[in-house]
Amino acid sequence: HEGSLLASVNLIEFARFVGEGERWLFESNVRQYLSKSKINQGIRQTVERESEHFWRFNNGVTMVVDQFEQRPDSTVVLTKPQIVNGCQTSLSIKRVIEELDSTQRAKVNGSVLVRIIREPSDSERRKITQFTNRQNAVRGKDFFSLQDFQHTLKKKIDALGYFYEIQTGSFEMQPRSAKEQ
């Protein structure tokens, strides 16, 4: 989209960016950092132990700006950036990078996905903030659908002519004719 940019940003550089703007960067976010969150602990562990996979394991960050400019050297200049989705990710990255010594920091070679949306209108920025923070919660029981055991069981039950729901909502997605069998 013309008014947006998708970037893969080095974790060390992103931590520096967040550190420089932390006082005002999250003013438009719906909440501040939840330091005791298990999710944030997981984010921190990924940065420390598997930074090369961070971009694959994390949804990234959404930022709105008044303006952005891409320069020939691949840098991007942002005007009035606000992180509207990804405060937990951003501050988890910043804090863990700050705590690493220089040897540990040298081993961090991952990146984070950053979506930058050019939107100078305050009312539109509020809408972007609202809608990017409105996802359906994933509950602990939903992760059972990833287990091999569940898939094996589903195949066996399906072979008997029954429907075994391992993903919440999958029965509702079945065509009417399948539900009536």
C-alpha atoms as a PDB file:
ATOM      1  CA  HIS A   1       0.000   0.000   0.000  1.00  0.00           C
ATOM      2  CA  GLU A   2       1.301   3.452  -0.921  1.00  0.00           C
ATOM      3  CA  GLY A   3       0.941   4.939   2.561  1.00  0.00           C
ATOM      4  CA  SER A   4       2.642   2.087   4.362  1.00  0.00           C
ATOM      5  CA  LEU A   5       5.947   0.334   4.673  1.00  0.00           C
ATOM      6  CA  LEU A   6       6.805  -3.126   5.903  1.00  0.00           C
ATOM      7  CA  ALA A   7      10.306  -3.436   7.344  1.00  0.00           C
ATOM      8  CA  SER A   8      12.465  -6.073   8.944  1.00  0.00           C
ATOM      9  CA  VAL A   9      14.397  -4.212  11.642  1.00  0.00           C
ATOM     10  CA  ASN A  10      17.494  -5.557  13.389  1.00  0.00           C
ATOM     11  CA  LEU A  11      16.691  -6.262  17.068  1.00  0.00           C
ATOM     12  CA  ILE A  12      19.668  -4.247  18.350  1.00  0.00           C
ATOM     13  CA  GLU A  13      18.721  -1.241  16.211  1.00  0.00           C
ATOM     14  CA  PHE A  14      15.068  -1.561  17.200  1.00  0.00           C
ATOM     15  CA  ALA A  15      16.001  -1.668  20.909  1.00  0.00           C
ATOM     16  CA  ARG A  16      18.049   1.511  20.428  1.00  0.00           C
ATOM     17  CA  PHE A  17      15.127   3.219  18.639  1.00  0.00           C
ATOM     18  CA  VAL A  18      12.694   2.243  21.408  1.00  0.00           C
ATOM     19  CA  GLY A  19      15.131   3.380  24.089  1.00  0.00           C
ATOM     20  CA  GLU A  20      15.542   6.790  22.476  1.00  0.00           C
ATOM     21  CA  GLY A  21      11.801   7.365  22.158  1.00  0.00           C
ATOM     22  CA  GLU A  22      10.381   5.426  25.077  1.00  0.00           C
ATOM     23  CA  ARG A  23       8.959   8.469  26.892  1.00  0.00           C
ATOM     24  CA  TRP A  24       6.620   9.398  24.021  1.00  0.00           C
ATOM     25  CA  LEU A  25       6.609   6.426  21.630  1.00  0.00           C
ATOM     26  CA  PHE A  26       3.710   4.624  23.366  1.00  0.00           C
ATOM     27  CA  GLU A  27       1.397   7.552  24.143  1.00  0.00           C
ATOM     28  CA  SER A  28      -1.156   6.270  21.600  1.00  0.00           C
ATOM     29  CA  ASN A  29      -0.978   2.635  22.700  1.00  0.00           C
ATOM     30  CA  VAL A  30      -3.925   1.136  24.583  1.00  0.00           C
ATOM     31  CA  ARG A  31      -1.744   0.052  27.517  1.00  0.00           C
ATOM     32  CA  GLN A  32       1.782   0.254  28.838  1.00  0.00           C
ATOM     33  CA  TYR A  33       4.315  -2.495  29.510  1.00  0.00           C
ATOM     34  CA  LEU A  34       3.146  -5.490  31.562  1.00  0.00           C
ATOM     35  CA  SER A  35       6.437  -6.457  33.186  1.00  0.00           C
ATOM     36  CA  LYS A  36       5.235  -9.663  34.852  1.00  0.00           C
ATOM     37  CA  SER A  37       3.481 -11.120  31.805  1.00  0.00           C
ATOM     38  CA  LYS A  38       4.333 -14.723  30.832  1.00  0.00           C
ATOM     39  CA  ILE A  39       4.060 -13.688  27.182  1.00  0.00           C
ATOM     40  CA  ASN A  40       6.660 -10.967  27.710  1.00  0.00           C
ATOM     41  CA  GLN A  41       8.939 -13.491  29.414  1.00  0.00           C
ATOM     42  CA  GLY A  42       8.607 -15.672  26.307  1.00  0.00           C
ATOM     43  CA  ILE A  43       9.467 -12.728  24.052  1.00  0.00           C
ATOM     44  CA  ARG A  44      12.544 -12.037  26.149  1.00  0.00           C
ATOM     45  CA  GLN A  45      13.636 -15.690  26.019  1.00  0.00           C
ATOM     46  CA  THR A  46      13.303 -15.749  22.241  1.00  0.00           C
ATOM     47  CA  VAL A  47      15.541 -12.675  21.934  1.00  0.00           C
ATOM     48  CA  GLU A  48      18.107 -14.233  24.288  1.00  0.00           C
ATOM     49  CA  ARG A  49      18.089 -17.803  22.962  1.00  0.00           C
ATOM     50  CA  GLU A  50      16.698 -17.840  19.416  1.00  0.00           C
ATOM     51  CA  SER A  51      17.004 -14.298  18.097  1.00  0.00           C
ATOM     52  CA  GLU A  52      17.486 -15.527  14.518  1.00  0.00           C
ATOM     53  CA  HIS A  53      13.901 -16.874  14.646  1.00  0.00           C
ATOM     54  CA  PHE A  54      12.331 -13.844  16.317  1.00  0.00           C
ATOM     55  CA  TRP A  55      10.696 -12.542  13.108  1.00  0.00           C
ATOM     56  CA  ARG A  56       9.028 -15.949  12.639  1.00  0.00           C
ATOM     57  CA  PHE A  57       7.754 -16.324  16.197  1.00  0.00           C
ATOM     58  CA  ASN A  58       6.428 -12.793  16.785  1.00  0.00           C
ATOM     59  CA  ASN A  59       3.613 -10.834  15.114  1.00  0.00           C
ATOM     60  CA  GLY A  60       5.690  -7.668  15.069  1.00  0.00           C
ATOM     61  CA  VAL A  61       4.879  -4.045  15.698  1.00  0.00           C
ATOM     62  CA  THR A  62       2.468  -1.567  14.113  1.00  0.00           C
ATOM     63  CA  MET A  63       3.503   2.062  14.066  1.00  0.00           C
ATOM     64  CA  VAL A  64       1.679   5.126  12.768  1.00  0.00           C
ATOM     65  CA  VAL A  65       3.597   8.177  11.611  1.00  0.00           C
ATOM     66  CA  ASP A  66       2.796  11.556  10.117  1.00  0.00           C
ATOM     67  CA  GLN A  67       5.371  10.925   7.411  1.00  0.00           C
ATOM     68  CA  PHE A  68       8.195   8.564   6.501  1.00  0.00           C
ATOM     69  CA  GLU A  69      11.044   8.871   4.040  1.00  0.00           C
ATOM     70  CA  GLN A  70      13.043   5.963   2.680  1.00  0.00           C
ATOM     71  CA  ARG A  71      16.642   6.926   2.012  1.00  0.00           C
ATOM     72  CA  PRO A  72      18.995   5.295  -0.525  1.00  0.00           C
ATOM     73  CA  ASP A  73      21.086   3.768   2.309  1.00  0.00           C
ATOM     74  CA  SER A  74      17.995   1.758   3.455  1.00  0.00           C
ATOM     75  CA  THR A  75      17.368   3.951   6.490  1.00  0.00           C
ATOM     76  CA  VAL A  76      13.907   5.296   7.120  1.00  0.00           C
ATOM     77  CA  VAL A  77      13.218   8.703   8.663  1.00  0.00           C
ATOM     78  CA  LEU A  78       9.991   8.797  10.684  1.00  0.00           C
ATOM     79  CA  THR A  79       7.994  11.875  11.670  1.00  0.00           C
ATOM     80  CA  LYS A  80       5.961  11.617  14.896  1.00  0.00           C
ATOM     81  CA  PRO A  81       6.119   7.815  15.274  1.00  0.00           C
ATOM     82  CA  GLN A  82       3.731   6.091  17.638  1.00  0.00           C
ATOM     83  CA  ILE A  83       3.750   2.356  18.330  1.00  0.00           C
ATOM     84  CA  VAL A  84       0.038   1.529  18.476  1.00  0.00           C
ATOM     85  CA  ASN A  85       0.319  -2.253  18.567  1.00  0.00           C
ATOM     86  CA  GLY A  86       3.377  -4.029  19.920  1.00  0.00           C
ATOM     87  CA  CYS A  87       4.234  -2.187  23.124  1.00  0.00           C
ATOM     88  CA  GLN A  88       4.865  -5.501  24.883  1.00  0.00           C
ATOM     89  CA  THR A  89       7.110  -6.729  22.072  1.00  0.00           C
ATOM     90  CA  SER A  90       8.968  -3.420  21.792  1.00  0.00           C
ATOM     91  CA  LEU A  91       9.721  -2.962  25.465  1.00  0.00           C
ATOM     92  CA  SER A  92      10.556  -6.636  25.980  1.00  0.00           C
ATOM     93  CA  ILE A  93      13.147  -6.370  23.194  1.00  0.00           C
ATOM     94  CA  LYS A  94      14.551  -3.127  24.587  1.00  0.00           C
ATOM     95  CA  ARG A  95      14.838  -4.403  28.138  1.00  0.00           C
ATOM     96  CA  VAL A  96      16.460  -7.717  27.315  1.00  0.00           C
ATOM     97  CA  ILE A  97      18.993  -6.090  24.946  1.00  0.00           C
ATOM     98  CA  GLU A  98      19.902  -3.563  27.649  1.00  0.00           C
ATOM     99  CA  GLU A  99      20.545  -6.387  30.128  1.00  0.00           C
ATOM    100  CA  LEU A 100      22.885  -8.334  27.840  1.00  0.00           C
ATOM    101  CA  ASP A 101      26.636  -7.901  28.101  1.00  0.00           C
ATOM    102  CA  SER A 102      28.619  -7.095  24.946  1.00  0.00           C
ATOM    103  CA  THR A 103      29.432 -10.770  24.252  1.00  0.00           C
ATOM    104  CA  GLN A 104      25.779 -11.792  24.512  1.00  0.00           C
ATOM    105  CA  ARG A 105      24.656  -8.774  22.483  1.00  0.00           C
ATOM    106  CA  ALA A 106      27.043  -9.735  19.674  1.00  0.00           C
ATOM    107  CA  LYS A 107      25.175 -13.057  19.344  1.00  0.00           C
ATOM    108  CA  VAL A 108      21.804 -11.350  18.779  1.00  0.00           C
ATOM    109  CA  ASN A 109      21.249 -11.508  15.024  1.00  0.00           C
ATOM    110  CA  GLY A 110      17.490 -11.415  14.643  1.00  0.00           C
ATOM    111  CA  SER A 111      14.955  -8.906  13.436  1.00  0.00           C
ATOM    112  CA  VAL A 112      11.426  -7.781  14.181  1.00  0.00           C
ATOM    113  CA  LEU A 113       8.700  -7.083  11.630  1.00  0.00           C
ATOM    114  CA  VAL A 114       7.583  -3.434  11.732  1.00  0.00           C
ATOM    115  CA  ARG A 115       4.552  -2.169   9.864  1.00  0.00           C
ATOM    116  CA  ILE A 116       4.689   1.597   9.371  1.00  0.00           C
ATOM    117  CA  ILE A 117       1.488   3.376   8.385  1.00  0.00           C
ATOM    118  CA  ARG A 118       1.535   6.995   7.225  1.00  0.00           C
ATOM    119  CA  GLU A 119      -1.498   8.674   8.778  1.00  0.00           C
ATOM    120  CA  PRO A 120      -1.409  12.301   9.922  1.00  0.00           C
ATOM    121  CA  SER A 121      -5.084  12.381  10.984  1.00  0.00           C
ATOM    122  CA  ASP A 122      -5.523  11.896  14.744  1.00  0.00           C
ATOM    123  CA  SER A 123      -8.979  10.377  14.311  1.00  0.00           C
ATOM    124  CA  GLU A 124      -7.706   7.836  11.772  1.00  0.00           C
ATOM    125  CA  ARG A 125      -4.732   7.034  14.024  1.00  0.00           C
ATOM    126  CA  ARG A 126      -7.161   6.267  16.839  1.00  0.00           C
ATOM    127  CA  LYS A 127      -9.075   3.905  14.530  1.00  0.00           C
ATOM    128  CA  ILE A 128      -5.861   2.126  13.541  1.00  0.00           C
ATOM    129  CA  THR A 129      -4.958   1.781  17.225  1.00  0.00           C
ATOM    130  CA  GLN A 130      -8.410   0.466  18.056  1.00  0.00           C
ATOM    131  CA  PHE A 131      -8.635  -2.088  15.260  1.00  0.00           C
ATOM    132  CA  THR A 132      -5.059  -3.390  15.433  1.00  0.00           C
ATOM    133  CA  ASN A 133      -5.622  -4.129  19.116  1.00  0.00           C
ATOM    134  CA  ARG A 134      -8.909  -5.984  18.593  1.00  0.00           C
ATOM    135  CA  GLN A 135      -7.962  -9.574  18.047  1.00  0.00           C
ATOM    136  CA  ASN A 136      -9.801 -12.555  19.459  1.00  0.00           C
ATOM    137  CA  ALA A 137      -7.928 -13.931  22.437  1.00  0.00           C
ATOM    138  CA  VAL A 138      -6.264 -17.307  22.020  1.00  0.00           C
ATOM    139  CA  ARG A 139      -6.836 -19.426  25.098  1.00  0.00           C
ATOM    140  CA  GLY A 140      -4.551 -22.121  26.476  1.00  0.00           C
ATOM    141  CA  LYS A 141      -6.903 -24.885  25.358  1.00  0.00           C
ATOM    142  CA  ASP A 142      -6.616 -23.669  21.749  1.00  0.00           C
ATOM    143  CA  PHE A 143      -2.975 -24.769  21.647  1.00  0.00           C
ATOM    144  CA  PHE A 144      -4.012 -28.409  22.030  1.00  0.00           C
ATOM    145  CA  SER A 145      -4.916 -28.254  18.338  1.00  0.00           C
ATOM    146  CA  LEU A 146      -1.174 -28.229  17.552  1.00  0.00           C
ATOM    147  CA  GLN A 147      -0.502 -31.598  19.195  1.00  0.00           C
ATOM    148  CA  ASP A 148       0.187 -34.617  16.972  1.00  0.00           C
ATOM    149  CA  PHE A 149      -1.931 -36.740  19.308  1.00  0.00           C
ATOM    150  CA  GLN A 150      -4.992 -34.588  18.570  1.00  0.00           C
ATOM    151  CA  HIS A 151      -4.478 -34.889  14.787  1.00  0.00           C
ATOM    152  CA  THR A 152      -4.076 -38.680  15.018  1.00  0.00           C
ATOM    153  CA  LEU A 153      -7.230 -38.927  17.124  1.00  0.00           C
ATOM    154  CA  LYS A 154      -9.136 -36.698  14.694  1.00  0.00           C
ATOM    155  CA  LYS A 155      -8.215 -38.942  11.734  1.00  0.00           C
ATOM    156  CA  LYS A 156      -9.406 -42.039  13.601  1.00  0.00           C
ATOM    157  CA  ILE A 157     -12.675 -40.428  14.675  1.00  0.00           C
ATOM    158  CA  ASP A 158     -13.264 -38.997  11.172  1.00  0.00           C
ATOM    159  CA  ALA A 159     -12.789 -42.537   9.766  1.00  0.00           C
ATOM    160  CA  LEU A 160     -15.655 -43.656  11.988  1.00  0.00           C
ATOM    161  CA  GLY A 161     -17.893 -40.980  10.450  1.00  0.00           C
ATOM    162  CA  TYR A 162     -17.825 -38.512  13.343  1.00  0.00           C
ATOM    163  CA  PHE A 163     -16.516 -34.962  13.576  1.00  0.00           C
ATOM    164  CA  TYR A 164     -13.864 -34.253  16.196  1.00  0.00           C
ATOM    165  CA  GLU A 165     -13.322 -30.532  16.752  1.00  0.00           C
ATOM    166  CA  ILE A 166      -9.725 -29.738  17.660  1.00  0.00           C
ATOM    167  CA  GLN A 167      -9.797 -26.110  16.529  1.00  0.00           C
ATOM    168  CA  THR A 168     -12.318 -23.876  18.243  1.00  0.00           C
ATOM    169  CA  GLY A 169     -14.917 -22.890  15.648  1.00  0.00           C
ATOM    170  CA  SER A 170     -14.048 -25.554  13.070  1.00  0.00           C
ATOM    171  CA  PHE A 171     -17.461 -27.238  13.316  1.00  0.00           C
ATOM    172  CA  GLU A 172     -19.147 -23.890  12.630  1.00  0.00           C
ATOM    173  CA  MET A 173     -17.032 -23.552   9.473  1.00  0.00           C
ATOM    174  CA  GLN A 174     -18.363 -26.845   8.091  1.00  0.00           C
ATOM    175  CA  PRO A 175     -20.907 -26.623   5.293  1.00  0.00           C
ATOM    176  CA  ARG A 176     -24.503 -27.119   6.408  1.00  0.00           C
ATOM    177  CA  SER A 177     -24.703 -30.499   4.651  1.00  0.00           C
ATOM    178  CA  ALA A 178     -21.732 -31.820   6.668  1.00  0.00           C
ATOM    179  CA  LYS A 179     -23.264 -30.643   9.953  1.00  0.00           C
ATOM    180  CA  GLU A 180     -26.511 -32.475   9.256  1.00  0.00           C
ATOM    181  CA  GLN A 181     -24.940 -35.888   8.666  1.00  0.00           C
END
